[in-house]
N, C-alpha and C. Protein backbone atom coordinates (compact mmCIF):
# COMPACT_ATOMS: atom_id res chain seq x y z
N MET A 1 -11.72 -1.86 -4.29
CA MET A 1 -10.34 -1.44 -4.29
C MET A 1 -10.04 -0.71 -2.98
N ILE A 2 -8.83 -0.98 -2.47
CA ILE A 2 -8.31 -0.24 -1.33
C ILE A 2 -7.01 0.42 -1.78
N TYR A 3 -6.30 1.08 -0.86
CA TYR A 3 -5.16 1.91 -1.25
C TYR A 3 -3.95 1.65 -0.37
N THR A 4 -2.79 1.92 -0.94
CA THR A 4 -1.54 1.79 -0.22
C THR A 4 -0.61 2.91 -0.67
N ILE A 5 0.51 3.05 0.00
CA ILE A 5 1.53 4.00 -0.43
C ILE A 5 2.81 3.22 -0.72
N ALA A 6 3.61 3.78 -1.62
CA ALA A 6 4.88 3.13 -1.96
C ALA A 6 5.82 4.19 -2.54
N ILE A 7 7.10 3.86 -2.56
CA ILE A 7 8.10 4.78 -3.08
C ILE A 7 7.86 4.95 -4.59
N THR A 8 7.57 6.16 -4.99
CA THR A 8 7.18 6.47 -6.37
C THR A 8 8.19 5.97 -7.39
N GLU A 9 9.44 6.33 -7.24
CA GLU A 9 10.46 6.00 -8.23
C GLU A 9 10.57 4.48 -8.43
N THR A 10 10.59 3.76 -7.34
CA THR A 10 10.73 2.30 -7.40
C THR A 10 9.52 1.64 -8.04
N PHE A 11 8.35 2.00 -7.58
CA PHE A 11 7.15 1.29 -8.04
C PHE A 11 6.71 1.72 -9.43
N ASP A 12 6.90 2.98 -9.81
CA ASP A 12 6.58 3.38 -11.18
C ASP A 12 7.47 2.62 -12.17
N LYS A 13 8.72 2.41 -11.80
CA LYS A 13 9.64 1.64 -12.65
C LYS A 13 9.15 0.19 -12.78
N LEU A 14 8.71 -0.39 -11.67
CA LEU A 14 8.19 -1.77 -11.72
C LEU A 14 6.97 -1.87 -12.63
N PHE A 15 6.09 -0.86 -12.59
CA PHE A 15 4.92 -0.86 -13.47
C PHE A 15 5.34 -0.81 -14.93
N GLU A 16 6.38 -0.06 -15.24
CA GLU A 16 6.86 0.06 -16.62
C GLU A 16 7.52 -1.22 -17.11
N GLU A 17 8.15 -1.98 -16.22
CA GLU A 17 8.96 -3.13 -16.61
C GLU A 17 8.19 -4.42 -16.78
N GLY A 18 7.03 -4.53 -16.20
CA GLY A 18 6.37 -5.83 -16.30
C GLY A 18 4.99 -5.83 -15.70
N PRO A 19 4.58 -7.01 -15.24
CA PRO A 19 3.24 -7.11 -14.64
C PRO A 19 3.16 -6.23 -13.38
N PRO A 20 1.94 -5.89 -12.98
CA PRO A 20 1.81 -5.02 -11.81
C PRO A 20 2.53 -5.60 -10.60
N PRO A 21 3.22 -4.74 -9.85
CA PRO A 21 3.85 -5.21 -8.62
C PRO A 21 2.79 -5.65 -7.60
N VAL A 22 3.24 -6.39 -6.61
CA VAL A 22 2.35 -6.93 -5.58
C VAL A 22 2.79 -6.43 -4.22
N LYS A 23 1.83 -5.96 -3.42
CA LYS A 23 2.10 -5.66 -2.02
C LYS A 23 1.88 -6.93 -1.23
N GLN A 24 2.75 -7.18 -0.28
CA GLN A 24 2.68 -8.43 0.48
C GLN A 24 1.70 -8.33 1.64
N GLY A 25 0.98 -9.42 1.82
CA GLY A 25 0.12 -9.58 2.97
C GLY A 25 0.91 -10.20 4.12
N LYS A 26 0.21 -10.54 5.16
CA LYS A 26 0.82 -11.12 6.36
C LYS A 26 1.46 -12.47 6.04
N PHE A 27 2.67 -12.70 6.57
CA PHE A 27 3.32 -13.99 6.41
C PHE A 27 4.38 -14.18 7.49
N VAL A 28 4.79 -15.43 7.67
CA VAL A 28 5.85 -15.77 8.62
C VAL A 28 7.16 -15.87 7.85
N ARG A 29 8.16 -15.14 8.32
CA ARG A 29 9.48 -15.14 7.68
C ARG A 29 10.23 -16.42 8.03
N ALA A 30 11.31 -16.67 7.30
CA ALA A 30 12.13 -17.86 7.52
C ALA A 30 12.67 -17.93 8.95
N ASP A 31 12.91 -16.75 9.56
CA ASP A 31 13.44 -16.73 10.93
C ASP A 31 12.36 -16.91 11.99
N GLY A 32 11.11 -17.10 11.55
CA GLY A 32 10.01 -17.31 12.48
C GLY A 32 9.27 -16.05 12.88
N SER A 33 9.80 -14.87 12.55
CA SER A 33 9.10 -13.63 12.87
C SER A 33 7.97 -13.41 11.87
N THR A 34 7.02 -12.60 12.24
CA THR A 34 5.85 -12.37 11.39
C THR A 34 5.89 -10.96 10.81
N TYR A 35 5.67 -10.88 9.50
CA TYR A 35 5.44 -9.59 8.84
C TYR A 35 3.94 -9.39 8.83
N GLY A 36 3.48 -8.29 9.39
CA GLY A 36 2.04 -8.07 9.56
C GLY A 36 1.27 -7.72 8.32
N GLY A 37 1.96 -7.41 7.23
CA GLY A 37 1.29 -7.01 6.00
C GLY A 37 1.46 -5.53 5.74
N ALA A 38 1.35 -5.15 4.48
CA ALA A 38 1.51 -3.75 4.09
C ALA A 38 0.44 -2.89 4.75
N ASN A 39 0.79 -1.65 5.05
CA ASN A 39 -0.20 -0.69 5.52
C ASN A 39 -1.13 -0.35 4.37
N VAL A 40 -2.43 -0.38 4.64
CA VAL A 40 -3.44 -0.09 3.62
C VAL A 40 -4.48 0.87 4.17
N PHE A 41 -5.15 1.53 3.24
CA PHE A 41 -6.11 2.58 3.59
C PHE A 41 -7.43 2.32 2.88
N LYS A 42 -8.51 2.66 3.54
CA LYS A 42 -9.84 2.42 2.98
C LYS A 42 -10.13 3.37 1.81
N THR A 43 -9.61 4.58 1.89
CA THR A 43 -9.88 5.57 0.84
C THR A 43 -8.57 6.15 0.32
N GLU A 44 -8.63 6.62 -0.90
CA GLU A 44 -7.48 7.31 -1.49
C GLU A 44 -7.14 8.55 -0.67
N GLU A 45 -8.16 9.25 -0.22
CA GLU A 45 -7.96 10.46 0.59
C GLU A 45 -7.20 10.14 1.87
N ALA A 46 -7.54 9.05 2.54
CA ALA A 46 -6.84 8.67 3.78
C ALA A 46 -5.36 8.38 3.50
N ALA A 47 -5.07 7.74 2.38
CA ALA A 47 -3.68 7.45 2.03
C ALA A 47 -2.92 8.74 1.74
N ARG A 48 -3.56 9.67 1.04
CA ARG A 48 -2.91 10.95 0.74
C ARG A 48 -2.66 11.76 2.02
N GLU A 49 -3.62 11.72 2.93
CA GLU A 49 -3.44 12.42 4.22
C GLU A 49 -2.28 11.83 5.00
N TYR A 50 -2.12 10.52 4.95
CA TYR A 50 -1.01 9.85 5.63
C TYR A 50 0.32 10.34 5.07
N ILE A 51 0.41 10.42 3.75
CA ILE A 51 1.63 10.92 3.11
C ILE A 51 1.93 12.34 3.57
N GLU A 52 0.91 13.18 3.62
CA GLU A 52 1.09 14.57 4.05
C GLU A 52 1.46 14.66 5.53
N ASP A 53 0.81 13.86 6.36
CA ASP A 53 1.08 13.89 7.80
C ASP A 53 2.54 13.57 8.12
N PHE A 54 3.13 12.68 7.32
CA PHE A 54 4.52 12.28 7.57
C PHE A 54 5.50 12.96 6.62
N ASN A 55 4.99 13.93 5.85
CA ASN A 55 5.82 14.72 4.95
C ASN A 55 6.58 13.83 3.95
N PHE A 56 5.86 12.85 3.38
CA PHE A 56 6.44 11.91 2.43
C PHE A 56 6.18 12.31 0.97
N GLN A 57 5.66 13.50 0.72
CA GLN A 57 5.23 13.88 -0.63
C GLN A 57 6.33 13.77 -1.67
N ASP A 58 7.58 13.97 -1.29
CA ASP A 58 8.67 13.95 -2.25
C ASP A 58 9.05 12.55 -2.71
N ARG A 59 8.67 11.52 -1.95
CA ARG A 59 9.13 10.17 -2.27
C ARG A 59 8.01 9.16 -2.51
N TYR A 60 6.82 9.40 -1.97
CA TYR A 60 5.78 8.38 -2.00
C TYR A 60 4.57 8.82 -2.83
N SER A 61 3.90 7.83 -3.40
CA SER A 61 2.64 8.03 -4.11
C SER A 61 1.61 7.05 -3.59
N VAL A 62 0.36 7.32 -3.90
CA VAL A 62 -0.75 6.44 -3.54
C VAL A 62 -1.03 5.53 -4.73
N TYR A 63 -1.25 4.26 -4.43
CA TYR A 63 -1.59 3.26 -5.44
C TYR A 63 -2.82 2.49 -4.97
N GLY A 64 -3.58 1.98 -5.92
CA GLY A 64 -4.70 1.12 -5.59
C GLY A 64 -4.22 -0.30 -5.34
N LEU A 65 -5.04 -1.07 -4.67
CA LEU A 65 -4.78 -2.50 -4.46
C LEU A 65 -6.04 -3.28 -4.78
N ASP A 66 -5.86 -4.39 -5.46
CA ASP A 66 -6.98 -5.27 -5.77
C ASP A 66 -7.26 -6.14 -4.55
N ALA A 67 -7.92 -5.54 -3.56
CA ALA A 67 -8.21 -6.25 -2.30
C ALA A 67 -9.45 -5.63 -1.66
N ASP A 68 -10.02 -6.35 -0.71
CA ASP A 68 -11.23 -5.91 -0.02
C ASP A 68 -10.92 -5.49 1.41
N TRP A 69 -11.34 -4.32 1.79
CA TRP A 69 -11.09 -3.76 3.12
C TRP A 69 -11.67 -4.64 4.22
N ASN A 70 -12.88 -5.12 4.02
CA ASN A 70 -13.59 -5.84 5.09
C ASN A 70 -13.11 -7.27 5.31
N THR A 71 -12.62 -7.91 4.26
CA THR A 71 -12.26 -9.33 4.40
C THR A 71 -10.77 -9.63 4.25
N GLN A 72 -10.00 -8.67 3.74
CA GLN A 72 -8.59 -8.96 3.46
C GLN A 72 -7.62 -8.03 4.18
N THR A 73 -8.14 -7.33 5.19
CA THR A 73 -7.27 -6.49 6.03
C THR A 73 -7.60 -6.73 7.49
N THR A 74 -6.70 -6.30 8.35
CA THR A 74 -6.94 -6.40 9.79
C THR A 74 -6.56 -5.08 10.44
N GLN A 75 -7.23 -4.77 11.52
CA GLN A 75 -6.96 -3.51 12.22
C GLN A 75 -5.58 -3.53 12.85
N THR A 76 -4.96 -2.35 12.86
CA THR A 76 -3.61 -2.22 13.40
C THR A 76 -3.56 -1.44 14.70
N GLY A 77 -4.64 -0.77 15.02
CA GLY A 77 -4.62 0.13 16.16
C GLY A 77 -4.26 1.54 15.73
N LYS A 78 -3.80 1.68 14.49
CA LYS A 78 -3.52 3.00 13.94
C LYS A 78 -4.82 3.59 13.43
N LYS A 79 -4.98 4.87 13.60
CA LYS A 79 -6.23 5.54 13.25
C LYS A 79 -6.60 5.40 11.78
N SER A 80 -5.63 5.56 10.88
CA SER A 80 -5.99 5.71 9.48
C SER A 80 -5.74 4.49 8.60
N CYS A 81 -5.11 3.45 9.14
CA CYS A 81 -4.79 2.34 8.24
C CYS A 81 -4.95 0.98 8.91
N ASN A 82 -5.09 -0.02 8.06
CA ASN A 82 -5.11 -1.42 8.46
C ASN A 82 -3.88 -2.10 7.87
N GLN A 83 -3.76 -3.40 8.09
CA GLN A 83 -2.69 -4.17 7.46
C GLN A 83 -3.30 -5.21 6.53
N LEU A 84 -2.62 -5.44 5.42
CA LEU A 84 -3.06 -6.35 4.39
C LEU A 84 -2.80 -7.79 4.83
N LEU A 85 -3.80 -8.65 4.70
CA LEU A 85 -3.66 -10.06 5.10
C LEU A 85 -3.22 -10.97 3.96
N VAL A 86 -3.47 -10.57 2.73
CA VAL A 86 -3.15 -11.39 1.55
C VAL A 86 -2.32 -10.56 0.57
N ASP A 87 -1.54 -11.23 -0.26
CA ASP A 87 -0.84 -10.51 -1.32
C ASP A 87 -1.86 -9.90 -2.27
N ALA A 88 -1.58 -8.69 -2.76
CA ALA A 88 -2.53 -8.01 -3.64
C ALA A 88 -1.81 -7.24 -4.73
N ALA A 89 -2.30 -7.37 -5.96
CA ALA A 89 -1.75 -6.64 -7.09
C ALA A 89 -2.01 -5.15 -6.91
N MET A 90 -0.98 -4.37 -7.24
CA MET A 90 -1.10 -2.92 -7.16
C MET A 90 -1.70 -2.37 -8.45
N ILE A 91 -2.36 -1.23 -8.33
CA ILE A 91 -3.00 -0.55 -9.46
C ILE A 91 -2.46 0.88 -9.49
N LYS A 92 -1.88 1.26 -10.63
CA LYS A 92 -1.37 2.62 -10.75
C LYS A 92 -2.54 3.56 -10.98
N LEU A 93 -2.63 4.60 -10.16
CA LEU A 93 -3.71 5.57 -10.26
C LEU A 93 -3.29 6.71 -11.18
N ASP A 94 -4.26 7.29 -11.86
CA ASP A 94 -3.96 8.42 -12.74
C ASP A 94 -3.49 9.64 -11.98
N ALA A 95 -4.02 9.84 -10.79
CA ALA A 95 -3.72 11.05 -10.02
C ALA A 95 -2.68 10.78 -8.93
N ALA A 96 -1.59 10.12 -9.28
CA ALA A 96 -0.54 9.83 -8.30
C ALA A 96 0.05 11.14 -7.77
N VAL A 97 0.47 11.11 -6.53
CA VAL A 97 1.10 12.28 -5.92
C VAL A 97 2.34 12.64 -6.72
N GLU A 98 2.47 13.89 -7.07
CA GLU A 98 3.62 14.35 -7.84
C GLU A 98 4.87 14.30 -7.00
N LYS A 99 5.98 14.03 -7.67
CA LYS A 99 7.29 14.01 -6.99
C LYS A 99 7.66 15.41 -6.56
């Protein structure tokens, strides 16, 4: 499992309404531009630190992703995160960051 961040209100509602939401991996948009994939973190701690560094505690929580760090992500040049290469189901963690 790897980790991502997402807007708490939006994604908690999605978890309540149906199957687990999916974070998107890298893909080419209809206009030909490329979406590099969701930002992902190797550890839950790294994702939480990212939220704190950008003062996102009021809006974002950390979620798990059913993906592999070594084979399904690519380096971004950012110190703490990679980008997701494939779509991955999200996993709601028990210890989500409080609103």
